[in-house]
């Protein structure tokens, strides 16, 4: 995982921005650009990367090791973030509902609404209001933020446990993930009993792994040591997964082998599947962990992430929530336009390109608002800085404010 760093790690912003672009393209299925996203070159996709990076960011942002005197207010800061994500999710759901409600008279849009699980809300908006606000009913392609909300609600307890007993927390997370997959345990949805597409009981494993990585970084440590042989194995597995996804003949043999293993050894389907809801281990989970391990040890990633040529992705990643919200709504709009228009690769590229530009403008606007934020008034000198002279004390306050962002 990511190694020690005291400055802002631009790799996080760059990789998160890349994941956001990939998610946006994948949320508009059937386009030419969709054939070149990460899921076509590996067993996992941008969703796994996004959750893992979210865990790392949470560990970095809310680590108790950054504050020598943490109190209950700083410990509960993730709950404030959870509320922010909740109301953003509510706005996303409302906008999607209004867009499809105004266009549902079109046959293609009605079919889209059924595919995206929006039809129940269109048929009974009052009855679905509470389930939507309580995250019990979710629209497809707008269902990853509810997962993040639950994780942020659990973050204070996870951070406290991870800071004291990281191995025990990781072991408990693995046990929960295994139990969810082997016993097909999932959170129910209501009023349609379908279960969460991103099962929190399974996906928490990636979030916890990322969170422990972020906590370790703030202590100047690394969760996994860099070993040449381990890197070689991870790289070979990544190459194998890319070949599997690109060559149908190899994929067919792979599927036959997995079926044979299940039949002859009688192992549970979960252990040798591609299932995304339960985060299947041998392929999806192992792939994203191998990819994270290789990238964390790749020295050139620092240079790439900090380059002006990749600033587009870094700016998107630095403003992930408004960018994701904008991209989610735009993906629905683009889908409607594609449904009522003749098939055209040029139109697809134009629409997706315009959508990415709009998301970039949203990110730039958000950056500007951050720069214009009012200065923080220094607190009374009872925080350990009373004996620090003038300019140095101001730097202490500035550093504490930056860490709190």
Protein backbone atom coordinates (compact mmCIF):
# COMPACT_ATOMS: atom_id res chain seq x y z
CA UNK A 1 0.00 0.00 0.00
CA UNK A 2 1.02 3.64 -0.02
CA UNK A 3 4.18 4.38 1.88
CA UNK A 4 5.03 7.12 4.38
CA UNK A 5 4.59 10.70 3.30
CA UNK A 6 4.31 13.98 5.16
CA UNK A 7 3.25 16.17 2.26
CA UNK A 8 -0.01 15.86 0.36
CA UNK A 9 0.13 12.70 -1.69
CA UNK A 10 -0.89 13.70 -5.20
CA UNK A 11 -1.19 10.03 -6.14
CA UNK A 12 -4.42 9.86 -4.17
CA UNK A 13 -5.97 12.77 -6.09
CA UNK A 14 -4.70 11.51 -9.44
CA UNK A 15 -5.91 7.93 -9.00
CA UNK A 16 -9.26 9.03 -7.58
CA UNK A 17 -9.74 11.40 -10.52
CA UNK A 18 -8.88 8.60 -12.93
CA UNK A 19 -11.42 6.36 -11.18
CA UNK A 20 -14.09 9.07 -11.44
CA UNK A 21 -13.53 9.44 -15.19
CA UNK A 22 -13.70 5.67 -15.62
CA UNK A 23 -16.89 5.38 -13.57
CA UNK A 24 -18.51 8.14 -15.63
CA UNK A 25 -17.67 6.40 -18.91
CA UNK A 26 -18.83 3.02 -17.59
CA UNK A 27 -22.15 4.54 -16.46
CA UNK A 28 -22.91 5.18 -20.13
CA UNK A 29 -22.83 1.58 -21.39
CA UNK A 30 -22.28 0.58 -24.98
CA UNK A 31 -19.94 3.38 -26.06
CA UNK A 32 -16.66 3.10 -27.93
CA UNK A 33 -14.77 4.67 -25.01
CA UNK A 34 -16.18 2.04 -22.67
CA UNK A 35 -14.07 -0.60 -24.40
CA UNK A 36 -10.90 1.09 -23.13
CA UNK A 37 -11.70 1.47 -19.44
CA UNK A 38 -9.94 -0.49 -16.71
CA UNK A 39 -12.57 -3.22 -16.41
CA UNK A 40 -11.56 -4.46 -19.87
CA UNK A 41 -7.98 -5.05 -18.71
CA UNK A 42 -8.47 -6.60 -15.28
CA UNK A 43 -10.85 -8.47 -13.00
CA UNK A 44 -11.75 -5.43 -10.88
CA UNK A 45 -12.97 -2.04 -12.06
CA UNK A 46 -13.04 1.59 -10.95
CA UNK A 47 -15.58 0.92 -8.19
CA UNK A 48 -13.10 -1.19 -6.23
CA UNK A 49 -10.43 1.47 -6.72
CA UNK A 50 -12.80 4.22 -5.60
CA UNK A 51 -13.75 2.44 -2.35
CA UNK A 52 -10.14 1.53 -1.53
CA UNK A 53 -8.97 5.11 -2.15
CA UNK A 54 -11.88 6.42 -0.08
CA UNK A 55 -10.68 4.29 2.81
CA UNK A 56 -7.12 5.58 2.44
CA UNK A 57 -8.37 9.19 2.31
CA UNK A 58 -10.49 8.65 5.42
CA UNK A 59 -7.52 7.27 7.32
CA UNK A 60 -5.36 10.20 6.23
CA UNK A 61 -7.95 12.90 6.92
CA UNK A 62 -9.26 11.72 10.30
CA UNK A 63 -6.22 9.99 11.77
CA UNK A 64 -5.88 10.62 15.53
CA UNK A 65 -2.11 10.54 15.07
CA UNK A 66 -2.27 13.96 13.40
CA UNK A 67 -3.65 15.56 16.57
CA UNK A 68 -1.71 15.07 19.81
CA UNK A 69 -4.78 15.98 21.85
CA UNK A 70 -7.84 14.54 20.07
CA UNK A 71 -11.27 15.16 21.58
CA UNK A 72 -14.73 13.76 20.91
CA UNK A 73 -15.56 16.51 18.42
CA UNK A 74 -12.60 15.69 16.18
CA UNK A 75 -13.33 11.97 16.55
CA UNK A 76 -16.88 12.47 15.28
CA UNK A 77 -15.95 14.60 12.27
CA UNK A 78 -16.69 11.71 9.86
CA UNK A 79 -20.36 11.97 10.87
CA UNK A 80 -20.45 15.52 9.52
CA UNK A 81 -19.02 14.21 6.27
CA UNK A 82 -21.64 11.44 6.24
CA UNK A 83 -24.41 14.03 6.48
CA UNK A 84 -22.89 16.02 3.61
CA UNK A 85 -22.75 12.91 1.43
CA UNK A 86 -26.33 12.03 2.41
CA UNK A 87 -27.84 15.31 1.26
CA UNK A 88 -25.76 15.19 -1.94
CA UNK A 89 -27.19 11.71 -2.55
CA UNK A 90 -30.68 13.07 -1.91
CA UNK A 91 -30.12 15.81 -4.51
CA UNK A 92 -28.80 13.28 -7.03
CA UNK A 93 -31.86 11.05 -6.56
CA UNK A 94 -34.25 13.99 -6.83
CA UNK A 95 -32.66 15.30 -10.04
CA UNK A 96 -32.65 11.83 -11.64
CA UNK A 97 -36.30 11.35 -10.69
CA UNK A 98 -37.31 14.71 -12.20
CA UNK A 99 -35.38 14.06 -15.41
CA UNK A 100 -36.96 10.65 -15.97
CA UNK A 101 -40.40 11.82 -14.84
CA UNK A 102 -40.36 14.49 -17.55
CA UNK A 103 -39.23 12.08 -20.26
CA UNK A 104 -40.88 8.80 -19.28
CA UNK A 105 -43.45 9.17 -22.05
CA UNK A 106 -40.69 8.12 -24.44
CA UNK A 107 -40.59 4.31 -24.77
CA UNK A 108 -36.80 4.18 -24.63
CA UNK A 109 -36.74 6.25 -21.43
CA UNK A 110 -39.38 4.06 -19.81
CA UNK A 111 -37.16 1.04 -20.55
CA UNK A 112 -34.17 2.88 -19.12
CA UNK A 113 -36.12 3.68 -15.95
CA UNK A 114 -36.97 0.00 -15.51
CA UNK A 115 -33.36 -1.05 -16.01
CA UNK A 116 -32.09 1.54 -13.53
CA UNK A 117 -34.68 0.67 -10.82
CA UNK A 118 -36.32 4.12 -11.12
CA UNK A 119 -39.74 2.87 -12.25
CA UNK A 120 -41.04 2.16 -8.71
CA UNK A 121 -40.35 5.78 -7.77
CA UNK A 122 -42.05 7.06 -10.92
CA UNK A 123 -45.13 4.96 -10.17
CA UNK A 124 -45.31 5.80 -6.47
CA UNK A 125 -43.20 8.87 -5.66
CA UNK A 126 -44.78 9.51 -2.25
CA UNK A 127 -44.42 5.90 -1.16
CA UNK A 128 -40.78 5.75 -2.29
CA UNK A 129 -39.74 9.05 -0.69
CA UNK A 130 -38.86 7.55 2.69
CA UNK A 131 -37.02 4.51 1.26
CA UNK A 132 -34.97 6.78 -1.00
CA UNK A 133 -34.03 9.13 1.83
CA UNK A 134 -33.24 6.20 4.14
CA UNK A 135 -31.08 4.60 1.40
CA UNK A 136 -33.35 1.56 1.36
CA UNK A 137 -34.24 2.00 -2.33
CA UNK A 138 -31.43 2.87 -4.71
CA UNK A 139 -31.22 3.79 -8.37
CA UNK A 140 -28.70 1.81 -10.40
CA UNK A 141 -25.52 3.75 -11.22
CA UNK A 142 -26.33 6.05 -8.29
CA UNK A 143 -25.79 3.51 -5.55
CA UNK A 144 -22.18 3.82 -4.42
CA UNK A 145 -22.61 6.92 -2.21
CA UNK A 146 -25.01 5.08 0.16
CA UNK A 147 -22.18 2.61 0.74
CA UNK A 148 -19.81 5.47 1.56
CA UNK A 149 -22.36 7.03 3.92
CA UNK A 150 -22.51 3.84 5.99
CA UNK A 151 -18.73 3.64 6.09
CA UNK A 152 -18.42 7.24 7.28
CA UNK A 153 -20.99 6.59 10.01
CA UNK A 154 -18.87 3.65 11.15
CA UNK A 155 -15.59 5.54 10.66
CA UNK A 156 -15.16 6.85 14.26
CA UNK A 157 -15.34 3.32 15.64
CA UNK A 158 -13.20 1.88 12.84
CA UNK A 159 -10.55 4.57 13.30
CA UNK A 160 -10.46 4.12 17.08
CA UNK A 161 -10.12 0.35 16.66
CA UNK A 162 -7.61 0.61 13.82
CA UNK A 163 -5.40 3.00 15.77
CA UNK A 164 -5.18 0.57 18.72
CA UNK A 165 -5.65 -2.89 17.24
CA UNK A 166 -5.06 -2.75 13.47
CA UNK A 167 -4.53 -6.49 13.07
CA UNK A 168 -7.63 -7.34 15.07
CA UNK A 169 -9.71 -4.92 13.00
CA UNK A 170 -8.37 -6.39 9.75
CA UNK A 171 -9.12 -9.92 10.99
CA UNK A 172 -12.67 -8.96 12.00
CA UNK A 173 -13.19 -7.32 8.61
CA UNK A 174 -12.03 -10.46 6.79
CA UNK A 175 -14.34 -12.64 8.89
CA UNK A 176 -17.33 -10.40 8.11
CA UNK A 177 -16.48 -10.42 4.39
CA UNK A 178 -16.16 -14.21 4.35
CA UNK A 179 -19.40 -14.68 6.28
CA UNK A 180 -21.28 -12.37 3.90
CA UNK A 181 -20.01 -14.22 0.84
CA UNK A 182 -20.34 -17.76 2.12
CA UNK A 183 -23.77 -17.21 3.70
CA UNK A 184 -24.99 -14.67 1.09
CA UNK A 185 -25.68 -12.09 3.79
CA UNK A 186 -26.70 -8.64 2.59
CA UNK A 187 -28.58 -5.59 3.77
CA UNK A 188 -32.21 -5.72 2.58
CA UNK A 189 -33.84 -3.09 0.40
CA UNK A 190 -37.41 -1.87 0.72
CA UNK A 191 -40.06 -1.93 -0.68
CA UNK A 192 -38.45 -4.14 -3.37
CA UNK A 193 -36.43 -6.83 -1.60
CA UNK A 194 -33.34 -6.98 -3.81
CA UNK A 195 -30.43 -6.38 -1.45
CA UNK A 196 -27.73 -3.75 -1.91
CA UNK A 197 -25.79 -4.05 -5.15
CA UNK A 198 -22.68 -2.88 -3.28
CA UNK A 199 -23.09 -5.11 -0.24
CA UNK A 200 -21.66 -3.14 2.74
CA UNK A 201 -20.90 -6.37 4.61
CA UNK A 202 -18.55 -7.38 1.79
CA UNK A 203 -17.20 -4.07 0.54
CA UNK A 204 -16.22 -2.94 4.02
CA UNK A 205 -13.10 -5.10 3.58
CA UNK A 206 -11.69 -2.76 0.93
CA UNK A 207 -12.61 0.32 2.95
CA UNK A 208 -11.01 -1.04 6.13
CA UNK A 209 -7.86 -2.05 4.23
CA UNK A 210 -7.62 1.46 2.84
CA UNK A 211 -8.36 3.08 6.19
CA UNK A 212 -5.61 1.08 7.92
CA UNK A 213 -3.25 2.10 5.12
CA UNK A 214 -4.07 5.77 5.66
CA UNK A 215 -3.61 5.46 9.42
CA UNK A 216 -0.24 3.78 8.91
CA UNK A 217 0.92 6.56 6.58
CA UNK A 218 0.18 9.20 9.22
CA UNK A 219 2.47 7.27 11.58
CA UNK A 220 5.24 7.14 8.98
CA UNK A 221 4.76 3.43 8.38
CA UNK A 222 3.83 1.14 5.52
CA UNK A 223 1.20 -1.58 5.86
CA UNK A 224 2.91 -4.00 3.46
CA UNK A 225 6.68 -4.04 2.88
CA UNK A 226 7.99 -3.88 -0.68
CA UNK A 227 9.47 -7.24 -1.63
CA UNK A 228 10.77 -7.95 -5.16
CA UNK A 229 9.27 -11.43 -5.28
CA UNK A 230 5.86 -10.21 -4.06
CA UNK A 231 5.94 -7.42 -6.65
CA UNK A 232 6.77 -9.94 -9.36
CA UNK A 233 3.86 -12.18 -8.37
CA UNK A 234 1.48 -9.22 -8.30
CA UNK A 235 2.67 -7.99 -11.70
CA UNK A 236 2.32 -11.47 -13.24
CA UNK A 237 -1.22 -11.75 -11.88
CA UNK A 238 -2.13 -8.32 -13.31
CA UNK A 239 -0.76 -9.30 -16.72
CA UNK A 240 -2.65 -12.60 -16.60
CA UNK A 241 -5.92 -10.82 -15.77
CA UNK A 242 -5.39 -8.39 -18.66
CA UNK A 243 -4.81 -11.29 -21.07
CA UNK A 244 -7.90 -13.07 -19.70
CA UNK A 245 -10.09 -10.04 -20.36
CA UNK A 246 -8.67 -9.38 -23.83
CA UNK A 247 -8.57 -12.90 -25.30
CA UNK A 248 -11.92 -14.76 -25.32
CA UNK A 249 -10.26 -18.14 -25.87
CA UNK A 250 -8.20 -17.77 -22.70
CA UNK A 251 -11.24 -16.49 -20.81
CA UNK A 252 -13.32 -19.51 -21.89
CA UNK A 253 -10.66 -21.89 -20.58
CA UNK A 254 -10.49 -19.92 -17.38
CA UNK A 255 -14.24 -20.13 -16.87
CA UNK A 256 -14.14 -23.87 -17.54
CA UNK A 257 -11.36 -24.28 -14.98
CA UNK A 258 -13.29 -22.35 -12.33
CA UNK A 259 -16.39 -24.43 -13.01
CA UNK A 260 -14.36 -27.64 -12.76
CA UNK A 261 -12.82 -26.55 -9.46
CA UNK A 262 -16.24 -25.79 -8.04
CA UNK A 263 -17.71 -29.07 -9.21
CA UNK A 264 -14.89 -31.41 -8.23
CA UNK A 265 -13.75 -29.78 -5.01
CA UNK A 266 -17.18 -28.63 -3.94
CA UNK A 267 -15.97 -25.17 -2.95
CA UNK A 268 -18.61 -22.43 -2.53
CA UNK A 269 -19.47 -20.45 -5.66
CA UNK A 270 -18.41 -17.24 -3.94
CA UNK A 271 -14.74 -18.24 -3.74
CA UNK A 272 -14.36 -18.77 -7.49
CA UNK A 273 -16.67 -16.25 -9.10
CA UNK A 274 -16.67 -12.75 -10.53
CA UNK A 275 -19.51 -11.65 -8.26
CA UNK A 276 -19.35 -7.93 -7.61
CA UNK A 277 -21.99 -7.66 -4.90
CA UNK A 278 -20.07 -9.96 -2.55
CA UNK A 279 -16.60 -8.87 -3.78
CA UNK A 280 -15.46 -12.30 -4.98
CA UNK A 281 -11.95 -13.04 -3.65
CA UNK A 282 -9.90 -14.99 -6.18
CA UNK A 283 -10.44 -12.55 -9.01
CA UNK A 284 -11.94 -9.15 -8.12
CA UNK A 285 -10.49 -8.65 -4.64
CA UNK A 286 -7.08 -10.12 -5.37
CA UNK A 287 -6.80 -8.02 -8.52
CA UNK A 288 -7.46 -4.64 -6.89
CA UNK A 289 -5.10 -5.45 -3.99
CA UNK A 290 -2.36 -6.54 -6.38
CA UNK A 291 -2.85 -3.39 -8.44
CA UNK A 292 -2.66 -1.17 -5.34
CA UNK A 293 0.49 -2.95 -4.18
CA UNK A 294 2.26 -2.50 -7.52
CA UNK A 295 1.23 1.14 -7.88
CA UNK A 296 2.32 1.95 -4.32
CA UNK A 297 5.82 0.69 -5.13
CA UNK A 298 6.07 2.29 -8.59
CA UNK A 299 8.40 5.30 -8.17
CA UNK A 300 7.29 7.06 -11.36
CA UNK A 301 3.71 7.37 -10.14
CA UNK A 302 4.75 10.32 -7.97
CA UNK A 303 6.09 12.14 -11.01
CA UNK A 304 3.05 11.30 -13.14
CA UNK A 305 0.57 12.37 -10.46
CA UNK A 306 2.36 15.67 -9.87
CA UNK A 307 2.79 16.52 -13.54
CA UNK A 308 0.91 19.48 -15.07
CA UNK A 309 -0.12 17.09 -17.86
CA UNK A 310 -2.20 15.07 -15.42
CA UNK A 311 -3.61 18.02 -13.47
CA UNK A 312 -7.02 17.35 -15.03
CA UNK A 313 -7.34 14.10 -13.10
CA UNK A 314 -5.82 15.50 -9.91
CA UNK A 315 -8.29 18.40 -9.83
CA UNK A 316 -11.20 16.01 -10.36
CA UNK A 317 -9.94 13.74 -7.59
CA UNK A 318 -9.44 16.64 -5.20
CA UNK A 319 -13.13 17.50 -5.56
CA UNK A 320 -14.52 13.99 -5.78
CA UNK A 321 -17.98 14.48 -4.26
CA UNK A 322 -19.29 17.33 -6.47
CA UNK A 323 -17.62 15.76 -9.50
CA UNK A 324 -19.21 12.37 -8.84
CA UNK A 325 -22.63 13.94 -8.26
CA UNK A 326 -22.38 15.91 -11.50
CA UNK A 327 -21.15 12.88 -13.43
CA UNK A 328 -23.94 10.65 -12.12
CA UNK A 329 -26.66 13.02 -13.29
CA UNK A 330 -24.93 13.70 -16.61
CA UNK A 331 -24.62 9.96 -17.28
CA UNK A 332 -28.41 9.64 -17.02
CA UNK A 333 -28.92 12.61 -19.34
CA UNK A 334 -26.47 11.19 -21.88
CA UNK A 335 -28.23 7.84 -21.73
CA UNK A 336 -31.55 9.51 -22.56
CA UNK A 337 -30.01 11.42 -25.48
CA UNK A 338 -28.46 8.20 -26.81
CA UNK A 339 -31.75 6.32 -26.47
CA UNK A 340 -33.63 8.82 -28.62
CA UNK A 341 -30.82 9.38 -31.16
CA UNK A 342 -29.44 7.18 -33.93
CA UNK A 343 -26.37 5.17 -32.85
CA UNK A 344 -23.20 7.18 -33.42
CA UNK A 345 -19.69 6.81 -32.01
CA UNK A 346 -19.02 10.46 -32.78
CA UNK A 347 -22.07 11.52 -30.77
CA UNK A 348 -21.00 9.29 -27.87
CA UNK A 349 -17.51 10.79 -27.80
CA UNK A 350 -18.94 14.31 -28.05
CA UNK A 351 -21.41 13.75 -25.20
CA UNK A 352 -18.89 12.07 -22.90
CA UNK A 353 -16.26 14.71 -23.69
CA UNK A 354 -18.72 17.50 -22.90
CA UNK A 355 -19.67 15.72 -19.68
CA UNK A 356 -16.03 15.49 -18.60
CA UNK A 357 -15.50 19.17 -19.35
CA UNK A 358 -18.53 20.10 -17.23
CA UNK A 359 -17.22 17.99 -14.36
CA UNK A 360 -13.83 19.68 -14.67
CA UNK A 361 -15.48 23.11 -14.53
CA UNK A 362 -17.35 22.04 -11.39
CA UNK A 363 -14.04 20.94 -9.85
CA UNK A 364 -12.38 24.24 -10.76
CA UNK A 365 -15.25 26.20 -9.24
CA UNK A 366 -14.99 24.11 -6.08
CA UNK A 367 -11.24 24.79 -5.90
CA UNK A 368 -11.89 28.51 -6.21
CA UNK A 369 -14.44 28.40 -3.40
CA UNK A 370 -11.90 26.66 -1.18
CA UNK A 371 -9.33 29.36 -1.87
CA UNK A 372 -11.85 32.06 -1.01
CA UNK A 373 -12.78 30.42 2.30
CA UNK A 374 -12.45 32.85 5.24
CA UNK A 375 -9.36 32.60 7.37
CA UNK A 376 -9.67 30.64 10.58
CA UNK A 377 -9.51 32.72 13.73
CA UNK A 378 -6.81 31.47 16.09
CA UNK A 379 -8.19 29.94 19.30
CA UNK A 380 -7.27 30.99 22.78
CA UNK A 381 -3.75 29.83 23.69
CA UNK A 382 -4.81 26.84 25.77
CA UNK A 383 -3.98 24.27 23.09
CA UNK A 384 -0.30 23.87 23.81
CA UNK A 385 0.84 26.83 21.72
CA UNK A 386 0.81 29.40 24.48
CA UNK A 387 4.58 29.44 24.73
CA UNK A 388 5.16 29.52 20.98
CA UNK A 389 6.21 32.98 19.79
CA UNK A 390 4.38 35.07 17.19
CA UNK A 391 5.02 33.79 13.65
CA UNK A 392 5.66 30.21 14.74
CA UNK A 393 2.33 30.08 16.61
CA UNK A 394 0.51 31.32 13.51
CA UNK A 395 2.15 28.52 11.52
CA UNK A 396 0.92 26.02 14.13
CA UNK A 397 -2.67 27.26 13.68
CA UNK A 398 -2.36 27.19 9.89
CA UNK A 399 -1.01 23.65 9.94
CA UNK A 400 -3.83 22.47 12.22
CA UNK A 401 -6.40 24.08 9.94
CA UNK A 402 -4.91 22.44 6.84
CA UNK A 403 -4.93 19.06 8.57
CA UNK A 404 -8.58 19.51 9.46
CA UNK A 405 -9.64 20.02 5.83
